[in-house]
Amino acid sequence: MKVLWSVLVLGFFGLAHAATPQDFLKSYESQSGKASASRGEQFFNTKHGKEWSCASCHEYPPNHETKHIVTGKVIKPLAPSANSARFTDEAKVDKWFKRNCNDVLGRECTAQEKADVLAWLMSIK
């Protein structure tokens, strides 16, 4: 009985933290302002003072597998339309925005930057 209870609790906990790209977009917009897909596309393709842009590893458009520019590790598609697992796990979204923004910008992305990039990624078919 304890095992069954544990499975049910863990299953419910997992569902409670499931999200959609739209959920993240709403959250970022509530912290900043209306997202702009065109600003997001420009941000994705621009170098921001460091050696890389987002497109350096995710390529343009980011709707197919790529390889990391340094490590050679496979990167699954970033666009939610090509990878239904993207932007569905809060811990992963936070981790990768923090890491990738630091690589590209040398700082964390603002909520507006995240909203813009996500709006653009969601527009890719």
N, C-alpha and C. Protein backbone atom coordinates (compact mmCIF):
# COMPACT_ATOMS: atom_id res chain seq x y z
N MET A 1 0.82 -1.19 0.00
CA MET A 1 0.00 0.00 0.00
C MET A 1 0.88 1.27 0.00
N LYS A 2 1.97 1.23 0.77
CA LYS A 2 2.87 2.38 0.80
C LYS A 2 3.46 2.66 -0.58
N VAL A 3 3.80 1.60 -1.30
CA VAL A 3 4.37 1.76 -2.64
C VAL A 3 3.35 2.41 -3.57
N LEU A 4 2.11 1.94 -3.52
CA LEU A 4 1.06 2.51 -4.35
C LEU A 4 0.86 3.98 -4.03
N TRP A 5 0.82 4.32 -2.75
CA TRP A 5 0.66 5.71 -2.32
C TRP A 5 1.82 6.56 -2.84
N SER A 6 3.03 6.06 -2.73
CA SER A 6 4.21 6.80 -3.20
C SER A 6 4.13 7.06 -4.70
N VAL A 7 3.72 6.05 -5.45
CA VAL A 7 3.59 6.21 -6.90
C VAL A 7 2.53 7.26 -7.22
N LEU A 8 1.40 7.22 -6.53
CA LEU A 8 0.34 8.20 -6.77
C LEU A 8 0.79 9.61 -6.43
N VAL A 9 1.46 9.77 -5.30
CA VAL A 9 1.94 11.09 -4.88
C VAL A 9 2.97 11.62 -5.87
N LEU A 10 3.92 10.78 -6.27
CA LEU A 10 4.95 11.21 -7.22
C LEU A 10 4.33 11.54 -8.57
N GLY A 11 3.36 10.74 -9.00
CA GLY A 11 2.68 11.00 -10.27
C GLY A 11 1.94 12.32 -10.23
N PHE A 12 1.24 12.58 -9.13
CA PHE A 12 0.53 13.85 -8.99
C PHE A 12 1.50 15.01 -8.94
N PHE A 13 2.58 14.86 -8.20
CA PHE A 13 3.59 15.91 -8.09
C PHE A 13 4.15 16.24 -9.47
N GLY A 14 4.42 15.23 -10.26
CA GLY A 14 4.94 15.45 -11.62
C GLY A 14 3.95 16.20 -12.48
N LEU A 15 2.67 15.87 -12.37
CA LEU A 15 1.65 16.57 -13.15
C LEU A 15 1.50 18.01 -12.68
N ALA A 16 1.67 18.23 -11.41
CA ALA A 16 1.52 19.58 -10.88
C ALA A 16 2.59 20.52 -11.45
N HIS A 17 3.73 19.98 -11.85
CA HIS A 17 4.80 20.81 -12.37
C HIS A 17 4.90 20.76 -13.89
N ALA A 18 4.01 20.04 -14.54
CA ALA A 18 4.01 20.02 -16.00
C ALA A 18 3.52 21.38 -16.49
N ALA A 19 4.05 21.83 -17.57
CA ALA A 19 3.68 23.13 -18.11
C ALA A 19 3.65 23.04 -19.63
N THR A 20 3.25 24.11 -20.24
CA THR A 20 3.25 24.21 -21.69
C THR A 20 4.06 25.45 -22.07
N PRO A 21 4.49 25.53 -23.31
CA PRO A 21 5.18 26.75 -23.75
C PRO A 21 4.30 28.00 -23.52
N GLN A 22 2.99 27.87 -23.71
CA GLN A 22 2.09 29.00 -23.50
C GLN A 22 2.11 29.45 -22.04
N ASP A 23 2.21 28.47 -21.10
CA ASP A 23 2.28 28.82 -19.68
C ASP A 23 3.52 29.66 -19.39
N PHE A 24 4.65 29.25 -19.93
CA PHE A 24 5.89 30.00 -19.72
C PHE A 24 5.79 31.38 -20.35
N LEU A 25 5.24 31.45 -21.56
CA LEU A 25 5.11 32.75 -22.23
C LEU A 25 4.25 33.70 -21.41
N LYS A 26 3.12 33.22 -20.90
CA LYS A 26 2.25 34.07 -20.06
C LYS A 26 2.99 34.55 -18.83
N SER A 27 3.76 33.67 -18.23
CA SER A 27 4.51 34.04 -17.03
C SER A 27 5.54 35.13 -17.34
N TYR A 28 6.30 34.95 -18.40
CA TYR A 28 7.31 35.95 -18.77
C TYR A 28 6.65 37.28 -19.13
N GLU A 29 5.54 37.22 -19.87
CA GLU A 29 4.85 38.46 -20.24
C GLU A 29 4.30 39.17 -19.02
N SER A 30 3.85 38.42 -18.02
CA SER A 30 3.32 39.05 -16.80
C SER A 30 4.43 39.77 -16.03
N GLN A 31 5.67 39.35 -16.23
CA GLN A 31 6.81 39.97 -15.56
C GLN A 31 7.39 41.13 -16.37
N SER A 32 7.06 41.19 -17.66
CA SER A 32 7.72 42.18 -18.50
C SER A 32 6.73 42.98 -19.33
N GLY A 33 6.21 42.39 -20.33
CA GLY A 33 5.29 43.04 -21.25
C GLY A 33 5.02 42.12 -22.41
N LYS A 34 4.25 42.58 -23.35
CA LYS A 34 3.87 41.78 -24.51
C LYS A 34 5.10 41.31 -25.26
N ALA A 35 5.12 40.03 -25.60
CA ALA A 35 6.23 39.45 -26.34
C ALA A 35 6.17 39.85 -27.81
N SER A 36 7.33 39.90 -28.42
CA SER A 36 7.44 40.20 -29.85
C SER A 36 8.24 39.09 -30.52
N ALA A 37 7.59 38.34 -31.39
CA ALA A 37 8.28 37.26 -32.11
C ALA A 37 9.40 37.83 -32.98
N SER A 38 9.20 39.00 -33.58
CA SER A 38 10.26 39.57 -34.42
C SER A 38 11.48 39.96 -33.58
N ARG A 39 11.25 40.52 -32.41
CA ARG A 39 12.38 40.82 -31.51
C ARG A 39 13.06 39.53 -31.07
N GLY A 40 12.27 38.49 -30.83
CA GLY A 40 12.83 37.20 -30.43
C GLY A 40 13.70 36.59 -31.50
N GLU A 41 13.27 36.68 -32.75
CA GLU A 41 14.06 36.15 -33.86
C GLU A 41 15.37 36.92 -33.99
N GLN A 42 15.30 38.24 -33.88
CA GLN A 42 16.51 39.06 -33.97
C GLN A 42 17.46 38.73 -32.81
N PHE A 43 16.92 38.62 -31.61
CA PHE A 43 17.73 38.29 -30.43
C PHE A 43 18.43 36.95 -30.63
N PHE A 44 17.71 35.95 -31.13
CA PHE A 44 18.22 34.60 -31.33
C PHE A 44 19.42 34.58 -32.28
N ASN A 45 19.40 35.42 -33.28
CA ASN A 45 20.42 35.40 -34.33
C ASN A 45 21.57 36.39 -34.12
N THR A 46 21.50 37.21 -33.08
CA THR A 46 22.49 38.26 -32.86
C THR A 46 23.51 37.85 -31.79
N LYS A 47 24.76 38.19 -32.04
CA LYS A 47 25.78 38.05 -31.00
C LYS A 47 25.66 39.26 -30.08
N HIS A 48 25.71 39.00 -28.79
CA HIS A 48 25.46 40.06 -27.80
C HIS A 48 26.71 40.36 -26.99
N GLY A 49 27.82 40.56 -27.64
CA GLY A 49 29.04 40.91 -26.93
C GLY A 49 29.92 39.73 -26.59
N LYS A 50 29.41 38.54 -26.72
CA LYS A 50 30.22 37.35 -26.51
C LYS A 50 30.42 36.71 -27.89
N GLU A 51 31.06 35.58 -27.93
CA GLU A 51 31.39 34.96 -29.22
C GLU A 51 30.21 34.28 -29.89
N TRP A 52 29.18 33.95 -29.13
CA TRP A 52 28.08 33.16 -29.68
C TRP A 52 26.77 33.93 -29.71
N SER A 53 25.90 33.44 -30.57
CA SER A 53 24.49 33.80 -30.53
C SER A 53 23.75 32.51 -30.19
N CYS A 54 22.47 32.58 -29.97
CA CYS A 54 21.69 31.35 -29.73
C CYS A 54 21.81 30.43 -30.95
N ALA A 55 21.83 31.04 -32.14
CA ALA A 55 21.90 30.28 -33.39
C ALA A 55 23.24 29.57 -33.58
N SER A 56 24.25 29.95 -32.82
CA SER A 56 25.54 29.29 -32.95
C SER A 56 25.42 27.79 -32.69
N CYS A 57 24.60 27.42 -31.74
CA CYS A 57 24.41 25.99 -31.42
C CYS A 57 23.07 25.45 -31.91
N HIS A 58 22.03 26.27 -31.82
CA HIS A 58 20.70 25.78 -32.17
C HIS A 58 20.39 25.94 -33.65
N GLU A 59 21.22 26.66 -34.37
CA GLU A 59 21.08 26.94 -35.80
C GLU A 59 19.77 27.66 -36.10
N TYR A 60 19.64 28.06 -37.36
CA TYR A 60 18.47 28.81 -37.79
C TYR A 60 17.84 28.13 -38.98
N PRO A 61 16.57 27.81 -38.94
CA PRO A 61 15.68 27.85 -37.79
C PRO A 61 15.92 26.66 -36.88
N PRO A 62 15.61 26.78 -35.60
CA PRO A 62 15.91 25.72 -34.63
C PRO A 62 14.83 24.64 -34.57
N ASN A 63 14.50 24.09 -35.74
CA ASN A 63 13.45 23.08 -35.80
C ASN A 63 13.99 21.71 -36.23
N HIS A 64 15.28 21.49 -35.99
CA HIS A 64 15.91 20.21 -36.32
C HIS A 64 17.06 19.95 -35.33
N GLU A 65 17.53 18.72 -35.26
CA GLU A 65 18.66 18.41 -34.38
C GLU A 65 19.91 19.11 -34.88
N THR A 66 20.72 19.55 -33.93
CA THR A 66 22.01 20.17 -34.24
C THR A 66 23.05 19.59 -33.29
N LYS A 67 24.26 20.11 -33.39
CA LYS A 67 25.32 19.70 -32.47
C LYS A 67 25.90 20.94 -31.82
N HIS A 68 26.23 20.80 -30.54
CA HIS A 68 26.83 21.91 -29.81
C HIS A 68 28.14 22.30 -30.49
N ILE A 69 28.36 23.58 -30.61
CA ILE A 69 29.51 24.12 -31.34
C ILE A 69 30.85 23.69 -30.74
N VAL A 70 30.91 23.44 -29.43
CA VAL A 70 32.16 23.07 -28.77
C VAL A 70 32.21 21.58 -28.44
N THR A 71 31.16 21.08 -27.79
CA THR A 71 31.18 19.70 -27.30
C THR A 71 30.80 18.67 -28.36
N GLY A 72 30.07 19.09 -29.38
CA GLY A 72 29.61 18.15 -30.40
C GLY A 72 28.42 17.32 -29.96
N LYS A 73 27.90 17.56 -28.76
CA LYS A 73 26.74 16.81 -28.28
C LYS A 73 25.51 17.19 -29.10
N VAL A 74 24.66 16.20 -29.34
CA VAL A 74 23.43 16.43 -30.10
C VAL A 74 22.49 17.31 -29.27
N ILE A 75 21.90 18.29 -29.93
CA ILE A 75 20.91 19.16 -29.32
C ILE A 75 19.60 18.91 -30.07
N LYS A 76 18.59 18.49 -29.33
CA LYS A 76 17.28 18.26 -29.95
C LYS A 76 16.67 19.59 -30.37
N PRO A 77 15.72 19.55 -31.30
CA PRO A 77 15.12 20.80 -31.78
C PRO A 77 14.62 21.68 -30.64
N LEU A 78 14.81 22.97 -30.78
CA LEU A 78 14.40 23.93 -29.77
C LEU A 78 12.95 24.38 -29.96
N ALA A 79 12.49 24.42 -31.18
CA ALA A 79 11.12 24.85 -31.44
C ALA A 79 10.12 23.82 -30.91
N PRO A 80 9.14 24.26 -30.12
CA PRO A 80 8.15 23.31 -29.59
C PRO A 80 7.40 22.52 -30.67
N SER A 81 7.24 23.09 -31.85
CA SER A 81 6.54 22.38 -32.91
C SER A 81 7.33 21.16 -33.39
N ALA A 82 8.63 21.17 -33.22
CA ALA A 82 9.49 20.06 -33.65
C ALA A 82 9.91 19.16 -32.50
N ASN A 83 9.64 19.60 -31.27
CA ASN A 83 10.03 18.83 -30.09
C ASN A 83 9.02 19.12 -28.98
N SER A 84 8.04 18.24 -28.83
CA SER A 84 6.95 18.49 -27.89
C SER A 84 7.40 18.52 -26.43
N ALA A 85 8.61 18.08 -26.14
CA ALA A 85 9.11 18.11 -24.76
C ALA A 85 9.68 19.49 -24.39
N ARG A 86 9.92 20.34 -25.37
CA ARG A 86 10.49 21.66 -25.08
C ARG A 86 9.51 22.52 -24.32
N PHE A 87 10.02 23.23 -23.34
CA PHE A 87 9.26 24.18 -22.55
C PHE A 87 8.06 23.54 -21.86
N THR A 88 8.31 22.36 -21.25
CA THR A 88 7.27 21.66 -20.50
C THR A 88 7.71 21.34 -19.08
N ASP A 89 8.96 21.63 -18.75
CA ASP A 89 9.50 21.31 -17.43
C ASP A 89 10.18 22.55 -16.87
N GLU A 90 9.62 23.08 -15.79
CA GLU A 90 10.11 24.34 -15.25
C GLU A 90 11.58 24.31 -14.86
N ALA A 91 12.02 23.22 -14.25
CA ALA A 91 13.42 23.13 -13.83
C ALA A 91 14.35 23.16 -15.04
N LYS A 92 13.98 22.45 -16.10
CA LYS A 92 14.82 22.44 -17.31
C LYS A 92 14.81 23.80 -18.00
N VAL A 93 13.65 24.43 -18.07
CA VAL A 93 13.56 25.75 -18.72
C VAL A 93 14.44 26.74 -17.97
N ASP A 94 14.32 26.76 -16.65
CA ASP A 94 15.14 27.67 -15.84
C ASP A 94 16.63 27.38 -16.02
N LYS A 95 16.99 26.10 -15.94
CA LYS A 95 18.40 25.70 -16.07
C LYS A 95 18.98 26.13 -17.41
N TRP A 96 18.28 25.84 -18.51
CA TRP A 96 18.86 26.10 -19.82
C TRP A 96 18.82 27.57 -20.21
N PHE A 97 17.78 28.30 -19.81
CA PHE A 97 17.81 29.74 -20.05
C PHE A 97 18.98 30.36 -19.29
N LYS A 98 19.17 29.97 -18.04
CA LYS A 98 20.27 30.54 -17.24
C LYS A 98 21.62 30.23 -17.88
N ARG A 99 21.84 28.98 -18.22
CA ARG A 99 23.13 28.57 -18.79
C ARG A 99 23.37 29.21 -20.16
N ASN A 100 22.38 29.12 -21.04
CA ASN A 100 22.57 29.62 -22.40
C ASN A 100 22.64 31.14 -22.46
N CYS A 101 21.85 31.81 -21.64
CA CYS A 101 21.92 33.27 -21.62
C CYS A 101 23.29 33.73 -21.13
N ASN A 102 23.81 33.05 -20.14
CA ASN A 102 25.15 33.39 -19.66
C ASN A 102 26.19 33.18 -20.75
N ASP A 103 26.07 32.09 -21.52
CA ASP A 103 27.01 31.83 -22.62
C ASP A 103 26.94 32.90 -23.70
N VAL A 104 25.74 33.36 -24.00
CA VAL A 104 25.54 34.31 -25.10
C VAL A 104 25.69 35.76 -24.64
N LEU A 105 25.12 36.07 -23.47
CA LEU A 105 25.07 37.46 -23.00
C LEU A 105 26.08 37.79 -21.91
N GLY A 106 26.53 36.77 -21.20
CA GLY A 106 27.36 37.01 -20.03
C GLY A 106 26.53 37.39 -18.82
N ARG A 107 25.22 37.13 -18.88
CA ARG A 107 24.29 37.42 -17.78
C ARG A 107 23.03 36.60 -18.01
N GLU A 108 22.12 36.66 -17.05
CA GLU A 108 20.83 36.01 -17.24
C GLU A 108 19.98 36.84 -18.18
N CYS A 109 19.11 36.18 -18.91
CA CYS A 109 18.16 36.89 -19.77
C CYS A 109 17.09 37.55 -18.91
N THR A 110 16.57 38.63 -19.41
CA THR A 110 15.44 39.28 -18.75
C THR A 110 14.16 38.51 -19.10
N ALA A 111 13.10 38.78 -18.36
CA ALA A 111 11.81 38.16 -18.67
C ALA A 111 11.36 38.57 -20.07
N GLN A 112 11.63 39.80 -20.47
CA GLN A 112 11.24 40.27 -21.81
C GLN A 112 12.00 39.52 -22.89
N GLU A 113 13.28 39.31 -22.70
CA GLU A 113 14.07 38.55 -23.68
C GLU A 113 13.56 37.12 -23.79
N LYS A 114 13.27 36.50 -22.66
CA LYS A 114 12.74 35.13 -22.67
C LYS A 114 11.39 35.10 -23.38
N ALA A 115 10.52 36.06 -23.07
CA ALA A 115 9.20 36.11 -23.71
C ALA A 115 9.34 36.26 -25.22
N ASP A 116 10.20 37.16 -25.66
CA ASP A 116 10.37 37.41 -27.09
C ASP A 116 10.90 36.17 -27.81
N VAL A 117 11.93 35.54 -27.26
CA VAL A 117 12.50 34.35 -27.89
C VAL A 117 11.47 33.22 -27.92
N LEU A 118 10.78 33.03 -26.81
CA LEU A 118 9.79 31.96 -26.77
C LEU A 118 8.64 32.22 -27.74
N ALA A 119 8.20 33.47 -27.85
CA ALA A 119 7.13 33.80 -28.81
C ALA A 119 7.58 33.44 -30.22
N TRP A 120 8.82 33.76 -30.55
CA TRP A 120 9.33 33.43 -31.88
C TRP A 120 9.43 31.92 -32.06
N LEU A 121 9.98 31.22 -31.07
CA LEU A 121 10.11 29.76 -31.16
C LEU A 121 8.74 29.10 -31.35
N MET A 122 7.73 29.63 -30.68
CA MET A 122 6.38 29.06 -30.81
C MET A 122 5.77 29.34 -32.18
N SER A 123 6.29 30.32 -32.89
CA SER A 123 5.75 30.65 -34.22
C SER A 123 6.36 29.79 -35.33
N ILE A 124 7.43 29.08 -35.02
CA ILE A 124 8.13 28.26 -36.02
C ILE A 124 7.33 26.99 -36.27
N LYS A 125 7.10 26.71 -37.50
CA LYS A 125 6.36 25.49 -37.88
C LYS A 125 7.28 24.44 -38.41
